[in-house]
């Protein structure tokens, strides 16, 4: 077997140049693909990943609006697989489409924003869960409600456990603030992003 060493063999260096992906060229090709897919109506879900104080967040949007905020602990590949099966397999990493969401989240985590002005797509939830999730944005920044209070407000006072389920399956955490819902005794309850993330969000808002 003949081994080519690009450090000493000019032919090997030429071959490497032809076959090794160049990061800048790949980025250009991806941007071109992103634009052409968008222009041709072939892109149903755009996504990106941003850094945040509660870890990397996956943001995904349809034409209707932001449809998913995913925590790293959920496994981003599994989140994308779920979006592909439940909404559309035509998914592409397209950060430009998520610029507004990324900017507003940056402002929120920096303490400069207390609410979000993003169009939201609630198509990943339905029925009572969606009713609860739509109410969550009415809970003011820096305040909390209990699961029991939320059940009463949405018109089904006995559905306390169902409210907990709606919060636990909220597809848009942070933006739709399920972290502002606590147990009646003041304890945290659960959180999709983990209790450490829920504590961090409540601490951030309490400090504002």
Foldseek 3Di string as FASTA:
>chain_A
DDDDDCVPDVVVVVVCVVPPDDPVVVVVVQQVVVVVCVVVVLAAKEWDWDQAPLGIWIWIAGPQWTEAIAHVVVPVVVVLVVCCVQPNVRYDHDCVVCVQVVVQRVCVRVVNDFADPIRYDDSVDDDPLVLLLVCQRVQGQLAAEELQVSCVVSPHNVCSVVSLVSQQPPRYDPNSPSLRYDHPVRHRRAHNSGPVVSVSRNVSRNVD
